Amino acid sequence: MRFGQGMPNEAAAPSRSAVSDRPTADASDYSGPGVEAEIRVGGPRAAADAGGPRSGVGGPPDEGGDGYVTLYTARAFSTDGAGRVTTEDGVLDLPVKAPRELGGPGGAPNPEQLLAAAYATCFHNSLALVAGREGVSTADCIVETAVELRKRGKHDDYAIGVEVVVSLPGVDRDLAGRLVRRAHEHCPYSKALRGNLQVGARLA
């Protein structure tokens, strides 16, 4: 069974077999995917440097115009020509290298892997929350995410595709399907990516 929502006028995200069978585009001119994001000159970091709250619980909750209250802010910095990523608190300090498949040296995490790791963890937390409300244990659950970097044509027209595959051993399949759908509806990463990327979530 497959659950999820793709981009408008596009099919659902492909299965892992389809992922492996898809022809790969020439990546010799790889310069990173295009991403739609809010970019501010002198944005959040500048505001924090001016005395505003930084990451964690360093200030009062901020309620934006959408009604959400900010509970936590994580801040990361890309430096060394995109060759290193660090977090403000220093907990994360990693080299970043393009994979060999994209003409890079490999041997270090790449942006797609970091996104996959973050999404898998966030989805797992959301699944544990909705399953817990149903009295279902997720102790043996495995959440796998596949993040694809895609390219169209010969120009720098890049896109990201994401698939989430959930294994819930010992749980009735119909119930597991409902839990996966509910987690996909509530997961903050799923909400953020839905409508911007092709995202699918399914049972293994």
Protein backbone atom coordinates (compact mmCIF):
# COMPACT_ATOMS: atom_id res chain seq x y z
CA MET A 1 0.00 0.00 0.00
CA ARG A 2 1.12 3.50 -0.75
CA PHE A 3 0.11 6.66 0.98
CA GLY A 4 1.05 10.26 0.46
CA GLN A 5 0.56 13.27 -1.73
CA GLY A 6 2.58 14.13 -4.80
CA MET A 7 3.09 17.39 -6.56
CA PRO A 8 0.12 18.68 -8.55
CA ASN A 9 -0.44 16.78 -11.82
CA GLU A 10 2.27 14.25 -10.93
CA ALA A 11 2.05 10.58 -10.08
CA ALA A 12 2.71 9.24 -6.60
CA ALA A 13 6.32 8.82 -5.55
CA PRO A 14 7.99 5.76 -7.11
CA SER A 15 8.79 2.62 -5.16
CA ARG A 16 12.34 1.72 -4.26
CA SER A 17 12.59 -0.61 -7.25
CA ALA A 18 11.52 2.22 -9.54
CA VAL A 19 14.09 4.45 -7.89
CA SER A 20 16.91 2.04 -8.62
CA ASP A 21 15.78 1.45 -12.21
CA ARG A 22 15.48 5.13 -13.17
CA PRO A 23 18.18 6.34 -15.61
CA THR A 24 20.55 8.79 -13.99
CA ALA A 25 21.21 12.19 -15.54
CA ASP A 26 24.66 13.50 -16.26
CA ALA A 27 25.75 15.24 -13.06
CA SER A 28 29.01 16.71 -14.31
CA ASP A 29 27.58 20.21 -14.00
CA TYR A 30 26.00 19.56 -10.61
CA SER A 31 25.69 22.74 -8.59
CA GLY A 32 23.09 21.71 -6.06
CA PRO A 33 19.30 21.55 -6.23
CA GLY A 34 17.14 24.59 -6.62
CA VAL A 35 15.06 25.12 -3.51
CA GLU A 36 12.13 27.41 -2.93
CA ALA A 37 12.67 29.04 0.45
CA GLU A 38 12.20 32.26 2.31
CA ILE A 39 15.52 34.08 2.18
CA ARG A 40 16.05 37.22 4.20
CA VAL A 41 19.02 39.55 4.17
CA GLY A 42 20.14 39.84 7.78
CA GLY A 43 17.48 37.30 8.74
CA PRO A 44 17.09 35.20 11.89
CA ARG A 45 20.76 35.22 12.85
CA ALA A 46 20.97 38.99 12.58
CA ALA A 47 17.86 39.31 14.71
CA ALA A 48 19.41 37.05 17.33
CA ASP A 49 22.66 39.00 17.27
CA ALA A 50 20.62 42.13 17.90
CA GLY A 51 19.38 40.67 21.15
CA GLY A 52 16.49 38.46 20.05
CA PRO A 53 16.08 34.80 21.07
CA ARG A 54 18.42 32.26 19.50
CA SER A 55 18.08 28.48 19.30
CA GLY A 56 16.54 26.38 22.02
CA VAL A 57 14.53 28.11 24.72
CA GLY A 58 16.51 31.32 24.82
CA GLY A 59 13.46 33.53 24.56
CA PRO A 60 9.68 33.59 24.88
CA PRO A 61 7.60 31.61 22.40
CA ASP A 62 7.00 33.51 19.19
CA GLU A 63 3.53 33.37 17.68
CA GLY A 64 3.55 34.10 13.99
CA GLY A 65 0.67 35.26 11.84
CA ASP A 66 -0.23 31.64 11.03
CA GLY A 67 -1.14 30.91 14.65
CA TYR A 68 1.80 28.58 15.29
CA VAL A 69 3.88 29.16 18.42
CA THR A 70 7.63 28.62 18.02
CA LEU A 71 8.77 25.94 20.47
CA TYR A 72 12.36 25.52 19.31
CA THR A 73 14.70 26.92 16.67
CA ALA A 74 17.63 24.98 15.23
CA ARG A 75 20.23 27.03 13.40
CA ALA A 76 22.90 25.59 11.07
CA PHE A 77 25.68 27.20 9.07
CA SER A 78 27.27 26.08 5.82
CA THR A 79 30.90 27.21 5.50
CA ASP A 80 34.14 26.32 3.72
CA GLY A 81 32.59 26.60 0.28
CA ALA A 82 29.70 24.33 1.29
CA GLY A 83 32.26 21.80 2.56
CA ARG A 84 31.29 21.95 6.23
CA VAL A 85 28.08 22.28 8.21
CA THR A 86 27.83 23.20 11.87
CA THR A 87 25.04 23.97 14.28
CA GLU A 88 25.02 27.00 16.51
CA ASP A 89 25.45 24.93 19.68
CA GLY A 90 28.38 22.99 18.19
CA VAL A 91 26.70 19.60 18.63
CA LEU A 92 26.81 19.02 14.88
CA ASP A 93 30.09 19.73 13.08
CA LEU A 94 30.45 17.71 9.90
CA PRO A 95 32.34 17.79 6.61
CA VAL A 96 30.00 17.75 3.63
CA LYS A 97 31.00 16.30 0.25
CA ALA A 98 29.13 15.52 -2.93
CA PRO A 99 28.72 11.77 -3.51
CA ARG A 100 30.75 9.97 -6.15
CA GLU A 101 27.57 9.51 -8.20
CA LEU A 102 27.53 13.29 -8.69
CA GLY A 103 31.23 13.58 -9.47
CA GLY A 104 32.27 14.38 -5.90
CA PRO A 105 34.83 12.63 -3.71
CA GLY A 106 32.31 10.99 -1.39
CA GLY A 107 33.50 9.79 1.99
CA ALA A 108 31.41 12.31 3.95
CA PRO A 109 27.73 13.12 4.42
CA ASN A 110 25.98 14.94 1.61
CA PRO A 111 22.88 17.20 1.76
CA GLU A 112 20.55 14.47 0.52
CA GLN A 113 21.69 12.10 3.27
CA LEU A 114 21.26 14.78 5.92
CA LEU A 115 17.73 15.48 4.72
CA ALA A 116 16.94 11.76 4.66
CA ALA A 117 18.23 11.32 8.22
CA ALA A 118 16.31 14.32 9.54
CA TYR A 119 13.07 13.32 7.81
CA ALA A 120 13.28 9.70 8.99
CA THR A 121 13.72 10.79 12.60
CA CYS A 122 10.94 13.39 12.47
CA PHE A 123 8.50 10.98 10.80
CA HIS A 124 9.36 8.28 13.35
CA ASN A 125 8.59 10.69 16.20
CA SER A 126 5.24 11.61 14.63
CA LEU A 127 4.40 7.95 14.12
CA ALA A 128 5.26 7.15 17.74
CA LEU A 129 2.96 9.95 18.86
CA VAL A 130 -0.08 8.87 16.84
CA ALA A 131 0.55 5.16 17.55
CA GLY A 132 0.88 5.82 21.27
CA ARG A 133 -2.58 7.37 21.29
CA GLU A 134 -3.89 4.08 19.88
CA GLY A 135 -1.94 2.03 22.41
CA VAL A 136 0.37 0.69 19.70
CA SER A 137 4.08 0.25 20.44
CA THR A 138 6.62 1.41 17.87
CA ALA A 139 9.60 -0.13 19.65
CA ASP A 140 10.39 -2.36 16.66
CA CYS A 141 9.41 0.18 14.00
CA ILE A 142 11.85 1.08 11.23
CA VAL A 143 11.38 4.25 9.18
CA GLU A 144 13.38 4.39 5.96
CA THR A 145 13.57 7.51 3.81
CA ALA A 146 14.89 7.72 0.27
CA VAL A 147 15.81 11.19 -1.00
CA GLU A 148 16.36 11.47 -4.75
CA LEU A 149 18.13 14.34 -6.46
CA ARG A 150 16.57 14.72 -9.91
CA LYS A 151 17.49 16.79 -12.92
CA ARG A 152 15.46 17.83 -15.95
CA GLY A 153 17.08 18.71 -19.25
CA LYS A 154 20.59 20.06 -19.59
CA HIS A 155 20.15 23.18 -17.46
CA ASP A 156 20.29 23.59 -13.68
CA ASP A 157 16.70 22.43 -13.20
CA TYR A 158 16.97 20.23 -10.12
CA ALA A 159 14.27 18.80 -7.88
CA ILE A 160 14.05 16.53 -4.86
CA GLY A 161 11.83 13.48 -4.51
CA VAL A 162 11.25 11.76 -1.17
CA GLU A 163 9.76 8.42 -0.22
CA VAL A 164 9.11 7.19 3.31
CA VAL A 165 8.83 3.43 3.91
CA VAL A 166 7.60 2.25 7.30
CA SER A 167 7.94 -1.21 8.82
CA LEU A 168 5.66 -1.93 11.81
CA PRO A 169 6.24 -5.60 12.73
CA GLY A 170 3.44 -7.27 14.64
CA VAL A 171 0.88 -4.56 13.89
CA ASP A 172 -2.28 -5.32 11.90
CA ARG A 173 -1.68 -4.04 8.38
CA ASP A 174 -4.89 -2.00 8.16
CA LEU A 175 -4.14 -0.34 11.49
CA ALA A 176 -0.52 0.21 10.47
CA GLY A 177 -1.69 1.86 7.25
CA ARG A 178 -3.96 4.23 9.16
CA LEU A 179 -1.13 5.13 11.53
CA VAL A 180 1.26 5.83 8.65
CA ARG A 181 -1.31 8.04 6.94
CA ARG A 182 -1.97 9.92 10.15
CA ALA A 183 1.74 10.38 10.83
CA HIS A 184 2.20 11.68 7.29
CA GLU A 185 -0.59 14.20 7.88
CA HIS A 186 0.91 15.48 11.13
CA CYS A 187 4.68 15.17 10.62
CA PRO A 188 6.15 18.71 10.40
CA TYR A 189 8.58 17.62 7.67
CA SER A 190 5.78 16.07 5.62
CA LYS A 191 3.77 19.27 5.93
CA ALA A 192 6.74 21.44 4.98
CA LEU A 193 7.61 19.35 1.93
CA ARG A 194 4.12 18.51 0.72
CA GLY A 195 3.14 20.57 -2.30
CA ASN A 196 6.75 21.61 -2.93
CA LEU A 197 8.31 18.18 -3.46
CA GLN A 198 7.04 14.81 -4.58
CA VAL A 199 6.55 13.00 -1.28
CA GLY A 200 5.14 9.52 -0.65
CA ALA A 201 4.77 7.40 2.50
CA ARG A 202 3.96 3.70 2.51
CA LEU A 203 4.19 0.47 4.46
CA ALA A 204 7.05 -1.88 3.70
